[in-house]
Every structure is written in structure tokens, then in C-alpha cells.
Amino acid sequence: MTQRHRGIFSFLKHASVYEAVQSALGARAVRGQFARIYVRAKAGDRVLDIGCGTGAILAHLPAVTYHGYEPNARYVERARRAFPDRGTFHAGYFSANSAKSLDPFDIVILSAVLHHISDAEAFDLFALLRQILRPGGRVVTLDNVIVEHQNPIARLLIKFDRGRHVRSATEYKALADRSFQHVAGEVVHRVFPPSTYFYMTAQ
């Protein structure tokens, strides 16, 4: 995983600072839209959330069987306090050994993950995710995206993002194409704060 950790970015390691920044950027509305339109979880679904952060997506999901993986232990602690009975949170990276210990999933969420990892890491991750999905299961992703004629403020926010691998829509789709037969995506522009997101579904 490649991301910036020094300078001002070091403060984002603290869960309270991270949540404050997310709130200022309108993350609650984005998560709600993501959950409602793209994740579309049903009660009883098995959901895997890789890079789950503080588990905030759970506020927008029905009663699902939820497993979240997050390398930042501080975020995991906050998630466990906020959602003690809603899911199981794992401190660390999701790996092949992690997959072996879990039953198959209906939905895998990668929210703001792909722009933090290299192409090689993404190819390996999608190959692993295909193995742990139930028949008909889906991987749904959300990331910043680079597009032509982009709002200059949105482009500036991407420049200062911790992730070092913000891509075009075509490049994001190519990451999933190796492992999944059906890959579709949509670019969505937000007016305030100015931002551009790419939502992708792989089946």
C-alpha cells in the first residue's frame, strides 16, 4: 500500500481527526449514496469491508453479517466502540490467510481503497476476492477519479489525497477485468465540496 504518512498527513492516523476531515468533506452523504445505490445490501447478507476505517458505512446498512478489515488499529478501536454489536472488526490487512478463515460473502466493499494500492496489489486483491464471493456476489468500489475537464478544486483535492494511485475510470476498470467477467462503473460529480468519484461493480 502506497500513501503519504508524513507532515499534515500524520494527523490523519488519529481516528478523531480522520472523522473530522471526512465530515468536512461530506463523507456521510457520500457513504449514504454509496450504500443505497451501489452496495444495496439486504438484511442477512454477508458483507466484507476491506479498508473499513472507523466502520462508518454500518450506519447506512441493514442488519448484515459484517466483517471489516483495517490496518490502522486506532480506527478499529473507534469502530468497535461505535458499533459493538453490528460487526466484527479485524486490525490488519486482508490476506489469503484471512480469506481461508471466513465463509464466502455476498458483497465486498472497497471504499477509498484502490487509489492507495499499486496495480499489482490490486490485481492480486481482485483475484482473491473472486475466490471468496458466493455465486452472484459483487465487489463494489468507490474512489477519487481523474477525468477530463475536471473541476480544478476537485483535481486539487486529489493532488493532496493520501493515496498515490488515483486513476482514470478506464484504469480502475482494468484492475477488475482480469478476475471478473462483468465490470461496470460510473463517474459522479459532487458540487460541494467539489469532488469526482468513480463507483464500480464487479461480478
Protein backbone atom coordinates (compact mmCIF):
# COMPACT_ATOMS: atom_id res chain seq x y z
CA MET A 1 0.00 0.00 0.00
CA THR A 2 1.36 3.39 -1.01
CA GLN A 3 0.17 6.53 0.74
CA ARG A 4 1.52 9.68 2.33
CA HIS A 5 2.20 9.50 6.07
CA ARG A 6 4.38 12.50 6.85
CA GLY A 7 3.63 16.12 7.64
CA ILE A 8 -0.03 17.03 7.80
CA PHE A 9 -0.99 13.50 6.74
CA SER A 10 0.37 12.10 10.01
CA PHE A 11 -2.55 13.66 11.88
CA LEU A 12 -4.99 11.53 9.88
CA LYS A 13 -3.72 8.46 11.73
CA HIS A 14 -5.84 9.65 14.66
CA ALA A 15 -9.43 8.44 14.36
CA SER A 16 -10.97 11.68 15.66
CA VAL A 17 -9.01 13.81 13.18
CA TYR A 18 -9.83 11.44 10.34
CA GLU A 19 -13.55 11.59 11.13
CA ALA A 20 -13.49 15.39 11.38
CA VAL A 21 -11.86 15.69 7.96
CA GLN A 22 -14.28 13.17 6.49
CA SER A 23 -17.21 15.12 7.89
CA ALA A 24 -15.91 18.38 6.43
CA LEU A 25 -15.65 16.73 3.02
CA GLY A 26 -19.24 15.50 3.12
CA ALA A 27 -18.37 11.85 3.65
CA ARG A 28 -21.65 10.98 5.36
CA ALA A 29 -23.69 11.91 2.29
CA VAL A 30 -21.25 10.06 0.01
CA ARG A 31 -21.41 6.92 2.16
CA GLY A 32 -25.19 7.05 2.22
CA GLN A 33 -25.38 7.31 -1.56
CA PHE A 34 -22.79 4.56 -1.97
CA ALA A 35 -24.69 2.21 0.35
CA ARG A 36 -28.10 2.96 -1.12
CA ILE A 37 -27.33 2.93 -4.84
CA TYR A 38 -24.32 0.68 -5.22
CA VAL A 39 -23.87 -1.61 -2.20
CA ARG A 40 -27.61 -2.40 -1.93
CA ALA A 41 -27.14 -4.83 0.95
CA LYS A 42 -30.14 -6.80 2.18
CA ALA A 43 -30.76 -7.96 5.73
CA GLY A 44 -28.87 -11.20 6.29
CA ASP A 45 -26.24 -10.60 3.59
CA ARG A 46 -22.62 -11.41 4.40
CA VAL A 47 -20.60 -8.24 3.83
CA LEU A 48 -16.81 -7.86 3.81
CA ASP A 49 -15.48 -4.30 4.09
CA ILE A 50 -11.78 -4.01 3.25
CA GLY A 51 -10.21 -0.78 4.46
CA CYS A 52 -13.25 -0.20 6.66
CA GLY A 53 -11.78 2.77 8.54
CA THR A 54 -13.97 3.53 11.55
CA GLY A 55 -16.81 1.34 10.27
CA ALA A 56 -18.99 4.34 9.40
CA ILE A 57 -20.64 2.55 6.46
CA LEU A 58 -22.54 0.43 9.00
CA ALA A 59 -24.74 3.43 9.80
CA HIS A 60 -26.15 3.02 6.28
CA LEU A 61 -26.53 -0.78 6.13
CA PRO A 62 -29.33 -3.08 7.32
CA ALA A 63 -28.73 -5.98 9.70
CA VAL A 64 -25.95 -7.82 7.87
CA THR A 65 -23.18 -10.18 8.91
CA TYR A 66 -20.28 -7.76 8.66
CA HIS A 67 -16.52 -8.22 8.74
CA GLY A 68 -14.29 -5.15 8.46
CA TYR A 69 -10.53 -5.12 7.91
CA GLU A 70 -8.49 -2.01 8.68
CA PRO A 71 -4.70 -1.66 9.15
CA ASN A 72 -5.00 1.38 11.44
CA ALA A 73 -5.62 -0.02 14.93
CA ARG A 74 -6.90 3.35 16.18
CA TYR A 75 -9.65 3.33 13.58
CA VAL A 76 -10.56 -0.23 14.58
CA GLU A 77 -10.84 0.74 18.24
CA ARG A 78 -13.22 3.55 17.33
CA ALA A 79 -15.27 1.22 15.12
CA ARG A 80 -15.63 -1.31 17.93
CA ARG A 81 -16.83 1.40 20.30
CA ALA A 82 -19.27 2.88 17.79
CA PHE A 83 -20.70 -0.43 16.51
CA PRO A 84 -20.12 -3.01 19.26
CA ASP A 85 -22.91 -5.33 18.13
CA ARG A 86 -23.03 -4.66 14.41
CA GLY A 87 -19.92 -6.38 13.10
CA THR A 88 -16.54 -7.98 13.60
CA PHE A 89 -13.54 -5.70 13.11
CA HIS A 90 -10.07 -7.01 12.33
CA ALA A 91 -6.95 -4.88 12.82
CA GLY A 92 -4.65 -5.61 9.89
CA TYR A 93 -4.60 -6.20 6.15
CA PHE A 94 -6.93 -8.64 4.44
CA SER A 95 -4.88 -11.55 3.08
CA ALA A 96 -5.17 -15.04 1.65
CA ASN A 97 -4.96 -16.42 5.20
CA SER A 98 -7.80 -14.11 6.22
CA ALA A 99 -9.91 -15.42 3.34
CA LYS A 100 -9.35 -19.03 4.40
CA SER A 101 -10.73 -18.32 7.86
CA LEU A 102 -14.04 -16.86 6.62
CA ASP A 103 -17.15 -18.18 4.88
CA PRO A 104 -17.99 -16.75 1.42
CA PHE A 105 -19.52 -13.29 1.12
CA ASP A 106 -22.39 -11.78 -0.84
CA ILE A 107 -20.82 -8.32 -1.08
CA VAL A 108 -17.30 -6.98 -0.75
CA ILE A 109 -16.83 -3.25 -0.20
CA LEU A 110 -13.66 -1.42 -1.24
CA SER A 111 -14.33 2.19 -0.28
CA ALA A 112 -11.40 4.53 -0.96
CA VAL A 113 -9.00 1.59 -1.19
CA LEU A 114 -7.91 1.20 -4.81
CA HIS A 115 -6.28 4.64 -5.04
CA HIS A 116 -3.99 3.61 -2.16
CA ILE A 117 -2.59 0.47 -3.81
CA SER A 118 -0.49 -0.31 -6.86
CA ASP A 119 -1.74 -2.11 -9.96
CA ALA A 120 -0.01 -5.34 -8.91
CA GLU A 121 -1.58 -5.20 -5.44
CA ALA A 122 -4.99 -4.50 -6.95
CA PHE A 123 -4.74 -7.41 -9.42
CA ASP A 124 -3.87 -9.78 -6.56
CA LEU A 125 -6.68 -8.41 -4.40
CA PHE A 126 -9.37 -8.84 -7.06
CA ALA A 127 -8.18 -12.38 -7.77
CA LEU A 128 -8.52 -13.18 -4.07
CA LEU A 129 -11.93 -11.54 -3.83
CA ARG A 130 -13.29 -13.62 -6.68
CA GLN A 131 -12.46 -16.72 -4.66
CA ILE A 132 -14.36 -15.61 -1.54
CA LEU A 133 -17.56 -14.41 -3.21
CA ARG A 134 -20.69 -16.53 -3.28
CA PRO A 135 -22.16 -17.21 -6.75
CA GLY A 136 -23.75 -13.96 -7.88
CA GLY A 137 -21.76 -11.97 -5.34
CA ARG A 138 -20.43 -8.49 -6.05
CA VAL A 139 -17.42 -6.29 -5.34
CA VAL A 140 -18.34 -2.61 -5.09
CA THR A 141 -15.73 0.13 -5.05
CA LEU A 142 -15.55 3.89 -4.54
CA ASP A 143 -12.53 6.07 -5.29
CA ASN A 144 -11.45 9.51 -6.38
CA VAL A 145 -11.03 9.59 -10.13
CA ILE A 146 -9.24 11.73 -12.71
CA VAL A 147 -11.41 12.90 -15.60
CA GLU A 148 -11.11 15.40 -18.42
CA HIS A 149 -12.28 18.96 -17.75
CA GLN A 150 -12.42 18.23 -14.04
CA ASN A 151 -13.33 20.92 -11.54
CA PRO A 152 -9.95 22.44 -10.57
CA ILE A 153 -10.77 22.23 -6.87
CA ALA A 154 -11.66 18.56 -7.23
CA ARG A 155 -8.35 17.99 -9.02
CA LEU A 156 -6.53 19.87 -6.26
CA LEU A 157 -8.12 17.71 -3.56
CA ILE A 158 -6.92 14.64 -5.44
CA LYS A 159 -3.42 16.07 -5.51
CA PHE A 160 -3.44 16.31 -1.72
CA ASP A 161 -5.07 12.93 -1.12
CA ARG A 162 -3.04 10.44 0.92
CA GLY A 163 -3.43 7.86 -1.86
CA ARG A 164 -0.75 7.88 -4.54
CA HIS A 165 -2.64 5.89 -7.17
CA VAL A 166 -5.68 7.92 -8.20
CA ARG A 167 -6.57 6.68 -11.70
CA SER A 168 -8.90 7.30 -14.61
CA ALA A 169 -12.16 5.35 -14.86
CA THR A 170 -10.70 3.14 -17.59
CA GLU A 171 -7.68 2.34 -15.44
CA TYR A 172 -9.83 1.39 -12.45
CA LYS A 173 -11.94 -0.95 -14.59
CA ALA A 174 -8.81 -2.61 -15.94
CA LEU A 175 -7.86 -3.63 -12.39
CA ALA A 176 -11.00 -5.78 -12.05
CA ASP A 177 -11.24 -7.00 -15.65
CA ARG A 178 -8.61 -9.70 -15.12
CA SER A 179 -10.68 -11.51 -12.50
CA PHE A 180 -14.30 -10.59 -13.19
CA GLN A 181 -16.43 -11.10 -16.26
CA HIS A 182 -18.84 -8.22 -15.67
CA VAL A 183 -17.34 -4.88 -14.64
CA ALA A 184 -19.28 -1.63 -14.79
CA GLY A 185 -18.59 1.84 -13.45
CA GLU A 186 -19.98 5.33 -13.16
CA VAL A 187 -18.33 8.72 -12.67
CA VAL A 188 -20.23 11.00 -10.30
CA HIS A 189 -19.52 14.69 -9.76
CA ARG A 190 -20.38 16.42 -6.48
CA VAL A 191 -20.91 20.16 -6.44
CA PHE A 192 -19.94 20.84 -2.82
CA PRO A 193 -17.34 20.23 -1.85
CA PRO A 194 -16.23 19.86 -5.49
CA SER A 195 -15.24 16.24 -5.97
CA THR A 196 -15.34 13.45 -8.54
CA TYR A 197 -15.87 9.81 -7.65
CA PHE A 198 -15.81 6.55 -9.57
CA TYR A 199 -18.23 3.83 -8.46
CA MET A 200 -17.50 0.35 -9.80
CA THR A 201 -19.23 -3.02 -9.55
CA ALA A 202 -17.51 -6.31 -10.44
CA GLN A 203 -19.34 -9.65 -10.70
